[in-house]
């Protein structure tokens, strides 16, 4: 059975990672959460006080990229691929609201995107990969055989994100979560380099009123139709 490349793009908290991870498991493909890579960079900048009092210099962020090593390692018990920053598992740390507040501005820096995209292209060289993010189908894998663009109502997305953070022990007000989502939507769609947009050949998936199982079944059907051609 031939292997393909699957690119899943869309807005924050519309279910991209859940669908992408589930689809990868069904197909026995590799799964890459591209957003976690940018989150890890933001976390490093916070840890090293490159981001201080809500501000940072692009030069300092770019210099820090020489000291950042990103790696995905499989958590066998949970059957998920987790982000490791310089040898340390930071999967929980990168999901905090503090990191979320800086992901979009950090990822908007051209040099940061260039390095991360280079790594992402390497990950997908052999196909058999599902990668989700914001510019996967338009920039990272423009020739992907299957491109999906996901969206959902912003109130539903805020509720989903709030529940996810609560389950992980992060105490945050839902209004703060929604404000963050709206801000990230704007920054992601208006950044100068590789903004979030639907690729012309991407299939739209609105998850507002869909259960996770329904979303996954939909994606599996789309992938199977291409793989079995």
C-alpha atoms as a PDB file:
ATOM      1  CA  UNK A   1       0.000   0.000   0.000  1.00  0.00           C
ATOM      2  CA  UNK A   2       1.462   3.343  -1.037  1.00  0.00           C
ATOM      3  CA  UNK A   3       2.146   6.010   1.546  1.00  0.00           C
ATOM      4  CA  UNK A   4       1.060   9.617   1.237  1.00  0.00           C
ATOM      5  CA  UNK A   5       1.623  12.931   2.981  1.00  0.00           C
ATOM      6  CA  UNK A   6      -1.320  14.410   4.869  1.00  0.00           C
ATOM      7  CA  UNK A   7      -1.372  18.109   5.796  1.00  0.00           C
ATOM      8  CA  UNK A   8      -3.934  19.377   8.293  1.00  0.00           C
ATOM      9  CA  UNK A   9      -4.196  23.131   8.861  1.00  0.00           C
ATOM     10  CA  UNK A  10      -6.656  25.275  10.740  1.00  0.00           C
ATOM     11  CA  UNK A  11      -7.425  27.545  13.637  1.00  0.00           C
ATOM     12  CA  UNK A  12      -6.402  26.932  17.229  1.00  0.00           C
ATOM     13  CA  UNK A  13      -8.500  24.447  19.219  1.00  0.00           C
ATOM     14  CA  UNK A  14     -10.604  23.225  16.312  1.00  0.00           C
ATOM     15  CA  UNK A  15      -9.422  19.638  16.839  1.00  0.00           C
ATOM     16  CA  UNK A  16      -6.436  19.456  14.483  1.00  0.00           C
ATOM     17  CA  UNK A  17      -4.111  17.549  16.809  1.00  0.00           C
ATOM     18  CA  UNK A  18      -6.777  15.078  17.894  1.00  0.00           C
ATOM     19  CA  UNK A  19      -7.766  14.248  14.318  1.00  0.00           C
ATOM     20  CA  UNK A  20      -4.183  14.217  13.031  1.00  0.00           C
ATOM     21  CA  UNK A  21      -2.953  11.965  15.842  1.00  0.00           C
ATOM     22  CA  UNK A  22      -5.922   9.619  15.505  1.00  0.00           C
ATOM     23  CA  UNK A  23      -5.535   9.459  11.726  1.00  0.00           C
ATOM     24  CA  UNK A  24      -1.830   8.689  12.035  1.00  0.00           C
ATOM     25  CA  UNK A  25      -2.592   5.802  14.403  1.00  0.00           C
ATOM     26  CA  UNK A  26      -5.243   4.397  12.061  1.00  0.00           C
ATOM     27  CA  UNK A  27      -2.864   4.509   9.091  1.00  0.00           C
ATOM     28  CA  UNK A  28       0.228   3.593  11.140  1.00  0.00           C
ATOM     29  CA  UNK A  29       1.858   6.841  10.000  1.00  0.00           C
ATOM     30  CA  UNK A  30       4.157   9.220  11.858  1.00  0.00           C
ATOM     31  CA  UNK A  31       2.438  12.185  13.491  1.00  0.00           C
ATOM     32  CA  UNK A  32       3.999  15.619  13.906  1.00  0.00           C
ATOM     33  CA  UNK A  33       2.328  18.434  15.852  1.00  0.00           C
ATOM     34  CA  UNK A  34       4.101  21.368  14.214  1.00  0.00           C
ATOM     35  CA  UNK A  35       2.603  23.830  16.678  1.00  0.00           C
ATOM     36  CA  UNK A  36       4.416  22.155  19.555  1.00  0.00           C
ATOM     37  CA  UNK A  37       7.715  23.053  17.882  1.00  0.00           C
ATOM     38  CA  UNK A  38       6.909  26.759  17.959  1.00  0.00           C
ATOM     39  CA  UNK A  39       5.569  26.385  21.490  1.00  0.00           C
ATOM     40  CA  UNK A  40       8.892  24.866  22.549  1.00  0.00           C
ATOM     41  CA  UNK A  41      10.766  27.839  21.107  1.00  0.00           C
ATOM     42  CA  UNK A  42       8.484  30.224  23.014  1.00  0.00           C
ATOM     43  CA  UNK A  43       9.003  28.198  26.201  1.00  0.00           C
ATOM     44  CA  UNK A  44      12.788  28.343  25.801  1.00  0.00           C
ATOM     45  CA  UNK A  45      12.642  32.120  25.322  1.00  0.00           C
ATOM     46  CA  UNK A  46      10.588  32.460  28.499  1.00  0.00           C
ATOM     47  CA  UNK A  47      12.931  30.188  30.452  1.00  0.00           C
ATOM     48  CA  UNK A  48      16.013  32.121  29.309  1.00  0.00           C
ATOM     49  CA  UNK A  49      14.303  35.473  29.961  1.00  0.00           C
ATOM     50  CA  UNK A  50      14.612  36.409  26.297  1.00  0.00           C
ATOM     51  CA  UNK A  51      10.937  37.282  26.696  1.00  0.00           C
ATOM     52  CA  UNK A  52      10.884  39.728  29.595  1.00  0.00           C
ATOM     53  CA  UNK A  53       7.965  41.828  30.785  1.00  0.00           C
ATOM     54  CA  UNK A  54       6.010  40.767  27.725  1.00  0.00           C
ATOM     55  CA  UNK A  55       8.632  41.954  25.256  1.00  0.00           C
ATOM     56  CA  UNK A  56      11.473  40.452  23.242  1.00  0.00           C
ATOM     57  CA  UNK A  57      13.966  41.357  20.521  1.00  0.00           C
ATOM     58  CA  UNK A  58      13.840  39.346  17.298  1.00  0.00           C
ATOM     59  CA  UNK A  59      17.643  39.202  17.226  1.00  0.00           C
ATOM     60  CA  UNK A  60      17.736  37.530  20.636  1.00  0.00           C
ATOM     61  CA  UNK A  61      15.126  34.975  19.589  1.00  0.00           C
ATOM     62  CA  UNK A  62      17.034  34.185  16.387  1.00  0.00           C
ATOM     63  CA  UNK A  63      20.285  33.816  18.341  1.00  0.00           C
ATOM     64  CA  UNK A  64      18.551  31.395  20.703  1.00  0.00           C
ATOM     65  CA  UNK A  65      17.686  29.065  17.810  1.00  0.00           C
ATOM     66  CA  UNK A  66      21.339  27.956  17.800  1.00  0.00           C
ATOM     67  CA  UNK A  67      20.837  26.554  21.304  1.00  0.00           C
ATOM     68  CA  UNK A  68      17.522  24.810  20.738  1.00  0.00           C
ATOM     69  CA  UNK A  69      17.253  21.119  19.904  1.00  0.00           C
ATOM     70  CA  UNK A  70      13.751  19.813  19.241  1.00  0.00           C
ATOM     71  CA  UNK A  71      12.824  16.150  19.158  1.00  0.00           C
ATOM     72  CA  UNK A  72       9.635  14.099  19.197  1.00  0.00           C
ATOM     73  CA  UNK A  73       9.658  10.954  21.332  1.00  0.00           C
ATOM     74  CA  UNK A  74       6.900   8.379  21.566  1.00  0.00           C
ATOM     75  CA  UNK A  75       5.173   7.947  24.919  1.00  0.00           C
ATOM     76  CA  UNK A  76       4.462   4.235  24.665  1.00  0.00           C
ATOM     77  CA  UNK A  77       1.938   4.102  27.513  1.00  0.00           C
ATOM     78  CA  UNK A  78      -0.129   6.983  26.133  1.00  0.00           C
ATOM     79  CA  UNK A  79       0.665   6.174  22.498  1.00  0.00           C
ATOM     80  CA  UNK A  80       1.361   9.815  21.672  1.00  0.00           C
ATOM     81  CA  UNK A  81       4.395  11.634  20.326  1.00  0.00           C
ATOM     82  CA  UNK A  82       5.669  14.182  22.851  1.00  0.00           C
ATOM     83  CA  UNK A  83       7.869  17.244  22.439  1.00  0.00           C
ATOM     84  CA  UNK A  84      11.359  17.240  23.971  1.00  0.00           C
ATOM     85  CA  UNK A  85      13.349  20.466  24.260  1.00  0.00           C
ATOM     86  CA  UNK A  86      17.086  20.012  24.684  1.00  0.00           C
ATOM     87  CA  UNK A  87      16.545  16.496  25.995  1.00  0.00           C
ATOM     88  CA  UNK A  88      13.695  17.337  28.386  1.00  0.00           C
ATOM     89  CA  UNK A  89      10.048  16.374  27.987  1.00  0.00           C
ATOM     90  CA  UNK A  90       8.168  19.690  27.897  1.00  0.00           C
ATOM     91  CA  UNK A  91       4.789  18.453  26.637  1.00  0.00           C
ATOM     92  CA  UNK A  92       2.929  19.877  29.658  1.00  0.00           C
ATOM     93  CA  UNK A  93       4.927  23.093  29.940  1.00  0.00           C
ATOM     94  CA  UNK A  94       4.272  24.128  26.331  1.00  0.00           C
ATOM     95  CA  UNK A  95       0.488  23.937  26.835  1.00  0.00           C
ATOM     96  CA  UNK A  96       0.249  26.718  29.438  1.00  0.00           C
ATOM     97  CA  UNK A  97      -1.525  30.008  28.783  1.00  0.00           C
ATOM     98  CA  UNK A  98       1.743  31.889  29.269  1.00  0.00           C
ATOM     99  CA  UNK A  99       3.350  30.010  26.385  1.00  0.00           C
ATOM    100  CA  UNK A 100       0.169  30.346  24.291  1.00  0.00           C
ATOM    101  CA  UNK A 101       0.370  34.125  24.579  1.00  0.00           C
ATOM    102  CA  UNK A 102       3.736  34.185  22.799  1.00  0.00           C
ATOM    103  CA  UNK A 103       3.446  31.388  20.238  1.00  0.00           C
ATOM    104  CA  UNK A 104       2.027  33.530  17.435  1.00  0.00           C
ATOM    105  CA  UNK A 105       4.488  36.448  17.709  1.00  0.00           C
ATOM    106  CA  UNK A 106       7.445  34.071  18.035  1.00  0.00           C
ATOM    107  CA  UNK A 107       6.296  31.970  15.074  1.00  0.00           C
ATOM    108  CA  UNK A 108       5.854  35.131  12.977  1.00  0.00           C
ATOM    109  CA  UNK A 109       9.627  35.723  12.958  1.00  0.00           C
ATOM    110  CA  UNK A 110      10.916  34.773   9.506  1.00  0.00           C
ATOM    111  CA  UNK A 111      14.138  33.132  10.704  1.00  0.00           C
ATOM    112  CA  UNK A 112      12.289  31.017  13.256  1.00  0.00           C
ATOM    113  CA  UNK A 113       9.808  29.781  10.638  1.00  0.00           C
ATOM    114  CA  UNK A 114      12.599  29.016   8.183  1.00  0.00           C
ATOM    115  CA  UNK A 115      14.428  26.783  10.653  1.00  0.00           C
ATOM    116  CA  UNK A 116      11.302  25.025  11.903  1.00  0.00           C
ATOM    117  CA  UNK A 117       9.958  24.481   8.376  1.00  0.00           C
ATOM    118  CA  UNK A 118      13.312  23.001   7.386  1.00  0.00           C
ATOM    119  CA  UNK A 119      13.011  20.455  10.203  1.00  0.00           C
ATOM    120  CA  UNK A 120       9.412  19.695   9.265  1.00  0.00           C
ATOM    121  CA  UNK A 121      10.340  19.004   5.646  1.00  0.00           C
ATOM    122  CA  UNK A 122      12.994  16.571   6.850  1.00  0.00           C
ATOM    123  CA  UNK A 123      10.435  14.747   8.999  1.00  0.00           C
ATOM    124  CA  UNK A 124       8.191  14.256   5.961  1.00  0.00           C
ATOM    125  CA  UNK A 125      10.802  13.272   3.411  1.00  0.00           C
ATOM    126  CA  UNK A 126       9.771   9.605   3.345  1.00  0.00           C
ATOM    127  CA  UNK A 127       5.998  10.262   3.275  1.00  0.00           C
ATOM    128  CA  UNK A 128       3.745   8.207   5.558  1.00  0.00           C
ATOM    129  CA  UNK A 129       3.247  11.265   7.758  1.00  0.00           C
ATOM    130  CA  UNK A 130       0.373  13.324   9.157  1.00  0.00           C
ATOM    131  CA  UNK A 131       1.366  16.857  10.172  1.00  0.00           C
ATOM    132  CA  UNK A 132      -0.901  19.538  11.548  1.00  0.00           C
ATOM    133  CA  UNK A 133      -0.306  23.250  11.877  1.00  0.00           C
ATOM    134  CA  UNK A 134      -1.081  26.517  10.143  1.00  0.00           C
ATOM    135  CA  UNK A 135       0.990  26.498   6.966  1.00  0.00           C
ATOM    136  CA  UNK A 136       1.529  22.793   6.326  1.00  0.00           C
ATOM    137  CA  UNK A 137      -0.523  22.510   3.149  1.00  0.00           C
ATOM    138  CA  UNK A 138       0.495  25.922   1.814  1.00  0.00           C
ATOM    139  CA  UNK A 139       4.192  26.038   2.711  1.00  0.00           C
ATOM    140  CA  UNK A 140       5.662  22.911   4.305  1.00  0.00           C
ATOM    141  CA  UNK A 141       4.048  20.268   2.066  1.00  0.00           C
ATOM    142  CA  UNK A 142       2.400  22.118  -0.842  1.00  0.00           C
ATOM    143  CA  UNK A 143       2.391  18.834  -2.796  1.00  0.00           C
ATOM    144  CA  UNK A 144       0.690  16.795  -0.054  1.00  0.00           C
ATOM    145  CA  UNK A 145      -1.744  14.275  -1.509  1.00  0.00           C
ATOM    146  CA  UNK A 146      -4.376  15.128   1.110  1.00  0.00           C
ATOM    147  CA  UNK A 147      -4.896  18.571   2.583  1.00  0.00           C
ATOM    148  CA  UNK A 148      -7.533  19.291   5.211  1.00  0.00           C
ATOM    149  CA  UNK A 149      -8.407  22.733   6.567  1.00  0.00           C
ATOM    150  CA  UNK A 150     -10.227  22.655   9.904  1.00  0.00           C
ATOM    151  CA  UNK A 151     -12.332  25.324  11.524  1.00  0.00           C
ATOM    152  CA  UNK A 152     -15.009  25.677  14.221  1.00  0.00           C
ATOM    153  CA  UNK A 153     -17.088  28.336  15.943  1.00  0.00           C
ATOM    154  CA  UNK A 154     -14.856  30.448  18.213  1.00  0.00           C
ATOM    155  CA  UNK A 155     -17.096  29.959  21.262  1.00  0.00           C
ATOM    156  CA  UNK A 156     -16.925  26.195  20.836  1.00  0.00           C
ATOM    157  CA  UNK A 157     -13.171  26.373  20.352  1.00  0.00           C
ATOM    158  CA  UNK A 158     -12.767  28.413  23.530  1.00  0.00           C
ATOM    159  CA  UNK A 159     -14.835  25.894  25.482  1.00  0.00           C
ATOM    160  CA  UNK A 160     -12.767  22.992  24.152  1.00  0.00           C
ATOM    161  CA  UNK A 161      -9.492  24.722  24.963  1.00  0.00           C
ATOM    162  CA  UNK A 162     -10.679  25.638  28.461  1.00  0.00           C
ATOM    163  CA  UNK A 163     -11.689  22.029  29.175  1.00  0.00           C
ATOM    164  CA  UNK A 164      -8.350  20.744  27.896  1.00  0.00           C
ATOM    165  CA  UNK A 165      -6.414  23.130  30.129  1.00  0.00           C
ATOM    166  CA  UNK A 166      -8.600  22.320  33.135  1.00  0.00           C
ATOM    167  CA  UNK A 167      -7.994  18.584  32.677  1.00  0.00           C
ATOM    168  CA  UNK A 168      -4.257  19.296  32.627  1.00  0.00           C
ATOM    169  CA  UNK A 169      -4.486  21.216  35.885  1.00  0.00           C
ATOM    170  CA  UNK A 170      -4.215  24.707  34.407  1.00  0.00           C
ATOM    171  CA  UNK A 171      -6.510  27.167  36.168  1.00  0.00           C
ATOM    172  CA  UNK A 172      -7.710  29.825  33.727  1.00  0.00           C
ATOM    173  CA  UNK A 173     -10.863  31.850  33.048  1.00  0.00           C
ATOM    174  CA  UNK A 174     -12.712  30.901  29.858  1.00  0.00           C
ATOM    175  CA  UNK A 175     -12.955  34.567  28.827  1.00  0.00           C
ATOM    176  CA  UNK A 176      -9.159  34.734  28.931  1.00  0.00           C
ATOM    177  CA  UNK A 177      -8.972  31.617  26.771  1.00  0.00           C
ATOM    178  CA  UNK A 178     -11.350  33.104  24.183  1.00  0.00           C
ATOM    179  CA  UNK A 179      -9.427  36.379  24.137  1.00  0.00           C
ATOM    180  CA  UNK A 180      -6.220  34.433  23.488  1.00  0.00           C
ATOM    181  CA  UNK A 181      -7.831  32.451  20.648  1.00  0.00           C
ATOM    182  CA  UNK A 182      -9.140  35.587  18.934  1.00  0.00           C
ATOM    183  CA  UNK A 183      -5.749  37.250  19.260  1.00  0.00           C
ATOM    184  CA  UNK A 184      -3.952  34.216  17.845  1.00  0.00           C
ATOM    185  CA  UNK A 185      -6.426  33.962  14.957  1.00  0.00           C
ATOM    186  CA  UNK A 186      -5.662  37.534  13.971  1.00  0.00           C
ATOM    187  CA  UNK A 187      -1.902  37.199  14.321  1.00  0.00           C
ATOM    188  CA  UNK A 188      -1.796  33.868  12.478  1.00  0.00           C
ATOM    189  CA  UNK A 189      -3.849  35.126   9.530  1.00  0.00           C
ATOM    190  CA  UNK A 190      -2.115  38.509   9.268  1.00  0.00           C
ATOM    191  CA  UNK A 191       1.556  37.653   9.749  1.00  0.00           C
ATOM    192  CA  UNK A 192       3.837  38.552   6.868  1.00  0.00           C
ATOM    193  CA  UNK A 193       5.484  35.154   6.409  1.00  0.00           C
ATOM    194  CA  UNK A 194       3.364  32.097   5.590  1.00  0.00           C
ATOM    195  CA  UNK A 195       0.096  33.214   7.228  1.00  0.00           C
ATOM    196  CA  UNK A 196      -2.698  30.814   8.080  1.00  0.00           C
ATOM    197  CA  UNK A 197      -4.906  30.326   5.047  1.00  0.00           C
ATOM    198  CA  UNK A 198      -6.771  27.513   3.327  1.00  0.00           C
ATOM    199  CA  UNK A 199      -4.854  25.965   0.450  1.00  0.00           C
ATOM    200  CA  UNK A 200      -6.847  26.047  -2.784  1.00  0.00           C
ATOM    201  CA  UNK A 201      -6.909  22.248  -2.948  1.00  0.00           C
ATOM    202  CA  UNK A 202      -7.645  21.674   0.741  1.00  0.00           C
ATOM    203  CA  UNK A 203     -10.912  20.092   1.892  1.00  0.00           C
ATOM    204  CA  UNK A 204     -12.807  22.136   4.491  1.00  0.00           C
ATOM    205  CA  UNK A 205     -13.853  20.435   7.732  1.00  0.00           C
ATOM    206  CA  UNK A 206     -16.031  22.416  10.159  1.00  0.00           C
ATOM    207  CA  UNK A 207     -15.954  20.542  13.482  1.00  0.00           C
ATOM    208  CA  UNK A 208     -18.371  22.817  15.370  1.00  0.00           C
ATOM    209  CA  UNK A 209     -21.103  20.201  15.640  1.00  0.00           C
ATOM    210  CA  UNK A 210     -19.094  17.027  15.161  1.00  0.00           C
ATOM    211  CA  UNK A 211     -17.958  14.512  17.742  1.00  0.00           C
ATOM    212  CA  UNK A 212     -14.305  13.451  17.714  1.00  0.00           C
ATOM    213  CA  UNK A 213     -15.205  10.019  16.348  1.00  0.00           C
ATOM    214  CA  UNK A 214     -17.143  11.603  13.489  1.00  0.00           C
ATOM    215  CA  UNK A 215     -14.228  13.883  12.640  1.00  0.00           C
ATOM    216  CA  UNK A 216     -11.791  10.985  12.619  1.00  0.00           C
ATOM    217  CA  UNK A 217     -14.046   8.752  10.511  1.00  0.00           C
ATOM    218  CA  UNK A 218     -14.426  11.582   8.000  1.00  0.00           C
ATOM    219  CA  UNK A 219     -10.642  12.013   7.756  1.00  0.00           C
ATOM    220  CA  UNK A 220     -10.032   8.264   7.443  1.00  0.00           C
ATOM    221  CA  UNK A 221     -12.492   8.073   4.537  1.00  0.00           C
ATOM    222  CA  UNK A 222     -10.780  10.960   2.733  1.00  0.00           C
ATOM    223  CA  UNK A 223      -7.337   9.393   3.216  1.00  0.00           C
ATOM    224  CA  UNK A 224      -8.471   5.913   2.182  1.00  0.00           C
ATOM    225  CA  UNK A 225     -10.004   7.264  -1.026  1.00  0.00           C
ATOM    226  CA  UNK A 226      -6.611   8.669  -2.052  1.00  0.00           C
ATOM    227  CA  UNK A 227      -4.453   5.771  -0.822  1.00  0.00           C
ATOM    228  CA  UNK A 228      -6.596   3.159  -2.593  1.00  0.00           C
ATOM    229  CA  UNK A 229      -6.779   4.917  -5.938  1.00  0.00           C
END
